[in-house]
């Protein structure tokens, strides 16, 4: 089987499982748990692994350069959604998507090759997004929701999240170098989480989980990417991926402890 189809199938399965599980845990234990779990690296793990598998671990390391700045754009995407969450469902999602596409096109066209600059841009966008959400909104953490799940509800969440993530993979393959580069960094996890939580529990719950995801996702995926840059050359693709993911699990736990104590 073509390696692309293997990646596509795994992207669908991982996305469907990850988001469905995270939203169920958020409903059972509250938005903090769900946001942190959703923010654990998943699609980035697959993307870098398959780049390393189909080309080389060294090429995957080179791909790390653009990840931080794109994650900064993703944080801004979440912040704009939260700021607009009191508006209609379509408006609050469409406007952040338009902003994300515009900024991502500039990132791709810039052909950024300096990791230090990418990290600086990430820091500016990430910190600004958190600051604005903290100052301009009153998003509070949400507790558990009593839910009785039907097979249809679970299937809908799995198919929606899996399809969004797999669709981004297909678009990155077919869209040409520029559009492909944009879709390769598409915030599929964030978008699917937004839609599912908004439809299931409304804007307050959705904004609460996106606030946590904005904080945990940006930080932990950047740490995973930096771990890949450090560990792939010395440990190779398979052990390096496992080690980098282990690092991100540790930082995800530390992020959760911080969010539990500091985020209202």
Protein backbone atom coordinates (compact mmCIF):
# COMPACT_ATOMS: atom_id res chain seq x y z
CA UNK A 1 0.00 0.00 0.00
CA UNK A 2 1.21 3.51 -0.84
CA UNK A 3 2.69 5.15 2.28
CA UNK A 4 0.45 8.18 1.72
CA UNK A 5 -2.68 6.07 2.16
CA UNK A 6 -1.25 4.54 5.32
CA UNK A 7 -0.66 8.03 6.69
CA UNK A 8 -4.14 9.11 5.59
CA UNK A 9 -5.79 6.15 7.29
CA UNK A 10 -3.78 6.62 10.49
CA UNK A 11 -4.55 10.36 10.49
CA UNK A 12 -8.25 9.61 10.33
CA UNK A 13 -8.07 6.96 13.08
CA UNK A 14 -5.85 8.97 15.41
CA UNK A 15 -7.85 12.17 14.88
CA UNK A 16 -11.17 10.44 15.38
CA UNK A 17 -9.99 8.63 18.51
CA UNK A 18 -8.11 11.57 20.00
CA UNK A 19 -10.83 14.19 19.66
CA UNK A 20 -13.71 11.89 20.54
CA UNK A 21 -11.91 10.72 23.68
CA UNK A 22 -10.87 14.25 24.67
CA UNK A 23 -14.39 15.67 24.30
CA UNK A 24 -15.90 12.79 26.30
CA UNK A 25 -13.33 13.29 29.09
CA UNK A 26 -13.99 17.03 29.02
CA UNK A 27 -17.69 16.35 29.53
CA UNK A 28 -16.96 13.92 32.33
CA UNK A 29 -14.21 15.80 34.17
CA UNK A 30 -14.40 19.40 32.91
CA UNK A 31 -12.79 21.64 30.32
CA UNK A 32 -9.30 21.60 31.85
CA UNK A 33 -8.85 17.86 31.37
CA UNK A 34 -10.25 17.94 27.85
CA UNK A 35 -8.15 20.90 26.77
CA UNK A 36 -4.90 19.38 28.03
CA UNK A 37 -5.56 15.97 26.48
CA UNK A 38 -6.46 17.55 23.14
CA UNK A 39 -3.25 19.58 23.32
CA UNK A 40 -1.00 16.52 23.55
CA UNK A 41 0.85 16.24 20.20
CA UNK A 42 -0.91 13.88 17.80
CA UNK A 43 -1.06 15.04 14.18
CA UNK A 44 2.40 16.60 14.49
CA UNK A 45 3.75 13.25 15.66
CA UNK A 46 2.31 11.56 12.58
CA UNK A 47 3.44 14.30 10.21
CA UNK A 48 7.07 14.35 11.33
CA UNK A 49 7.22 10.56 11.59
CA UNK A 50 6.03 10.04 8.04
CA UNK A 51 8.33 12.76 6.72
CA UNK A 52 11.18 10.91 8.39
CA UNK A 53 9.96 7.57 7.08
CA UNK A 54 9.42 8.60 3.46
CA UNK A 55 12.44 10.91 3.18
CA UNK A 56 14.84 10.86 6.12
CA UNK A 57 15.03 11.79 9.82
CA UNK A 58 17.34 14.65 8.83
CA UNK A 59 14.69 16.03 6.48
CA UNK A 60 12.09 15.76 9.26
CA UNK A 61 14.41 17.79 11.49
CA UNK A 62 14.52 20.50 8.80
CA UNK A 63 10.70 20.51 8.78
CA UNK A 64 10.69 21.49 12.45
CA UNK A 65 11.76 25.06 11.59
CA UNK A 66 8.31 26.32 10.55
CA UNK A 67 6.34 24.52 13.26
CA UNK A 68 6.74 27.09 16.09
CA UNK A 69 5.53 30.10 14.06
CA UNK A 70 2.58 28.10 12.70
CA UNK A 71 1.64 27.13 16.25
CA UNK A 72 1.72 30.83 17.09
CA UNK A 73 -0.78 31.42 14.28
CA UNK A 74 -2.85 28.54 15.69
CA UNK A 75 -2.90 30.24 19.10
CA UNK A 76 -4.15 33.43 17.44
CA UNK A 77 -6.79 31.33 15.63
CA UNK A 78 -8.07 30.08 19.00
CA UNK A 79 -7.95 33.54 20.56
CA UNK A 80 -10.01 35.10 17.76
CA UNK A 81 -12.56 32.30 18.08
CA UNK A 82 -12.89 32.90 21.80
CA UNK A 83 -13.24 36.68 21.27
CA UNK A 84 -16.00 36.08 18.69
CA UNK A 85 -17.68 33.17 20.45
CA UNK A 86 -20.72 35.23 21.45
CA UNK A 87 -21.54 35.75 17.78
CA UNK A 88 -23.14 33.16 15.53
CA UNK A 89 -21.65 29.70 15.10
CA UNK A 90 -20.64 30.38 11.48
CA UNK A 91 -19.16 33.84 12.14
CA UNK A 92 -17.13 32.76 15.16
CA UNK A 93 -15.48 29.97 13.16
CA UNK A 94 -15.29 31.50 9.67
CA UNK A 95 -13.44 34.71 10.66
CA UNK A 96 -10.65 32.90 12.57
CA UNK A 97 -10.24 30.52 9.62
CA UNK A 98 -9.87 33.41 7.15
CA UNK A 99 -7.27 35.07 9.39
CA UNK A 100 -5.44 31.76 9.78
CA UNK A 101 -5.27 31.17 6.02
CA UNK A 102 -3.98 34.70 5.31
CA UNK A 103 -1.23 34.51 7.93
CA UNK A 104 -0.29 30.94 6.98
CA UNK A 105 0.12 31.91 3.33
CA UNK A 106 2.60 34.58 4.41
CA UNK A 107 4.46 32.03 6.54
CA UNK A 108 4.72 29.60 3.60
CA UNK A 109 5.73 32.32 1.13
CA UNK A 110 8.42 33.59 3.50
CA UNK A 111 10.20 30.20 3.34
CA UNK A 112 11.32 30.69 6.93
CA UNK A 113 14.56 28.81 7.59
CA UNK A 114 15.67 30.21 10.94
CA UNK A 115 14.46 28.24 13.96
CA UNK A 116 15.37 31.03 16.36
CA UNK A 117 13.21 33.53 14.46
CA UNK A 118 10.40 30.98 14.27
CA UNK A 119 10.53 30.55 18.06
CA UNK A 120 10.53 34.33 18.61
CA UNK A 121 7.47 34.74 16.37
CA UNK A 122 5.78 31.88 18.20
CA UNK A 123 6.50 33.52 21.54
CA UNK A 124 5.05 36.85 20.41
CA UNK A 125 1.88 35.35 18.90
CA UNK A 126 1.39 32.83 21.72
CA UNK A 127 1.89 35.29 24.57
CA UNK A 128 -0.21 37.97 22.84
CA UNK A 129 -3.07 35.54 22.29
CA UNK A 130 -3.09 34.44 25.93
CA UNK A 131 -2.83 38.05 27.12
CA UNK A 132 -5.71 39.26 24.94
CA UNK A 133 -7.98 36.38 25.95
CA UNK A 134 -7.15 36.99 29.60
CA UNK A 135 -7.78 40.74 29.40
CA UNK A 136 -10.65 40.96 26.91
CA UNK A 137 -12.76 37.98 27.93
CA UNK A 138 -14.09 36.39 31.09
CA UNK A 139 -13.81 32.76 30.04
CA UNK A 140 -14.14 30.51 33.06
CA UNK A 141 -13.37 26.82 33.30
CA UNK A 142 -16.38 24.56 32.94
CA UNK A 143 -17.22 21.56 35.08
CA UNK A 144 -18.54 18.19 34.06
CA UNK A 145 -21.60 17.65 31.89
CA UNK A 146 -23.97 14.75 32.38
CA UNK A 147 -24.13 12.88 29.10
CA UNK A 148 -25.70 9.68 27.84
CA UNK A 149 -24.04 8.77 24.58
CA UNK A 150 -25.71 7.05 21.70
CA UNK A 151 -23.76 5.17 19.07
CA UNK A 152 -24.76 7.86 16.57
CA UNK A 153 -23.28 10.66 18.72
CA UNK A 154 -19.95 8.87 19.09
CA UNK A 155 -19.88 8.03 15.39
CA UNK A 156 -20.63 11.65 14.44
CA UNK A 157 -17.75 12.99 16.57
CA UNK A 158 -15.34 10.38 15.26
CA UNK A 159 -16.27 10.91 11.62
CA UNK A 160 -16.23 14.71 11.88
CA UNK A 161 -12.86 14.97 13.60
CA UNK A 162 -11.27 12.20 11.55
CA UNK A 163 -12.55 13.69 8.29
CA UNK A 164 -11.26 17.20 9.06
CA UNK A 165 -7.80 15.88 9.87
CA UNK A 166 -7.67 13.45 6.93
CA UNK A 167 -9.00 16.20 4.65
CA UNK A 168 -6.10 18.44 5.64
CA UNK A 169 -3.69 15.61 4.79
CA UNK A 170 -5.28 15.17 1.35
CA UNK A 171 -5.25 18.92 0.68
CA UNK A 172 -1.57 19.13 1.63
CA UNK A 173 -0.85 16.39 -0.92
CA UNK A 174 -2.92 17.81 -3.78
CA UNK A 175 -2.70 21.55 -3.24
CA UNK A 176 0.71 22.24 -4.73
CA UNK A 177 3.74 23.49 -2.80
CA UNK A 178 2.23 26.67 -1.32
CA UNK A 179 -1.30 25.49 -0.60
CA UNK A 180 0.09 22.13 0.44
CA UNK A 181 2.37 23.82 2.94
CA UNK A 182 -0.57 25.75 4.37
CA UNK A 183 -2.77 22.68 4.78
CA UNK A 184 0.10 20.68 6.24
CA UNK A 185 -0.13 22.99 9.26
CA UNK A 186 -3.92 23.31 9.29
CA UNK A 187 -5.33 23.48 12.88
CA UNK A 188 -7.52 20.42 12.34
CA UNK A 189 -7.50 19.38 16.01
CA UNK A 190 -8.59 22.85 17.10
CA UNK A 191 -11.29 23.19 14.45
CA UNK A 192 -12.86 19.79 15.13
CA UNK A 193 -12.78 20.44 18.89
CA UNK A 194 -14.44 23.84 18.36
CA UNK A 195 -17.25 22.40 16.28
CA UNK A 196 -17.97 19.39 18.49
CA UNK A 197 -17.96 21.29 21.79
CA UNK A 198 -19.92 24.22 20.37
CA UNK A 199 -22.64 21.97 18.96
CA UNK A 200 -22.79 19.80 22.08
CA UNK A 201 -22.64 22.38 24.88
CA UNK A 202 -22.66 25.91 23.49
CA UNK A 203 -20.20 28.80 23.41
CA UNK A 204 -19.20 28.91 27.10
CA UNK A 205 -18.05 25.29 27.27
CA UNK A 206 -16.42 25.53 23.85
CA UNK A 207 -14.53 28.72 24.75
CA UNK A 208 -13.36 27.20 28.04
CA UNK A 209 -11.87 24.12 26.41
CA UNK A 210 -10.32 26.19 23.59
CA UNK A 211 -8.66 28.48 26.14
CA UNK A 212 -6.93 25.50 27.74
CA UNK A 213 -6.13 23.96 24.33
CA UNK A 214 -4.59 27.26 23.19
CA UNK A 215 -2.23 27.19 26.17
CA UNK A 216 -1.43 23.47 26.33
CA UNK A 217 -1.42 22.69 22.62
CA UNK A 218 0.93 25.46 21.57
CA UNK A 219 3.45 24.84 24.32
CA UNK A 220 3.52 21.04 24.23
CA UNK A 221 3.66 20.70 20.45
CA UNK A 222 6.55 23.17 20.28
CA UNK A 223 8.36 21.15 22.93
CA UNK A 224 7.70 17.96 20.96
CA UNK A 225 9.08 19.55 17.78
CA UNK A 226 12.21 20.74 19.57
CA UNK A 227 12.65 17.28 21.10
CA UNK A 228 12.46 15.81 17.58
CA UNK A 229 15.19 18.18 16.40
CA UNK A 230 17.38 17.10 19.30
CA UNK A 231 16.62 13.36 19.38
CA UNK A 232 16.11 12.27 15.76
CA UNK A 233 19.81 12.72 14.82
CA UNK A 234 21.06 10.74 17.83
CA UNK A 235 18.31 8.14 18.38
CA UNK A 236 16.87 7.67 14.90
CA UNK A 237 13.27 7.78 13.71
CA UNK A 238 11.52 5.16 15.84
CA UNK A 239 13.27 5.59 19.19
CA UNK A 240 13.47 9.35 18.63
CA UNK A 241 9.72 9.58 18.07
CA UNK A 242 9.00 7.55 21.22
CA UNK A 243 11.44 9.60 23.29
CA UNK A 244 10.15 12.93 21.98
CA UNK A 245 6.56 11.89 22.67
CA UNK A 246 7.54 10.85 26.21
CA UNK A 247 9.00 14.32 26.76
CA UNK A 248 5.75 15.90 25.55
CA UNK A 249 3.72 13.70 27.92
CA UNK A 250 5.80 14.95 30.84
CA UNK A 251 5.38 18.58 29.82
CA UNK A 252 1.65 17.99 29.23
CA UNK A 253 1.31 16.78 32.80
CA UNK A 254 3.23 19.81 34.10
CA UNK A 255 1.02 22.06 31.97
CA UNK A 256 -2.05 20.42 33.48
CA UNK A 257 -0.75 21.04 37.00
CA UNK A 258 -0.13 24.70 36.12
CA UNK A 259 -3.58 25.09 34.58
CA UNK A 260 -5.24 23.44 37.57
CA UNK A 261 -3.60 25.91 39.94
CA UNK A 262 -3.54 29.11 37.87
CA UNK A 263 -6.38 29.09 35.35
CA UNK A 264 -9.84 29.97 36.62
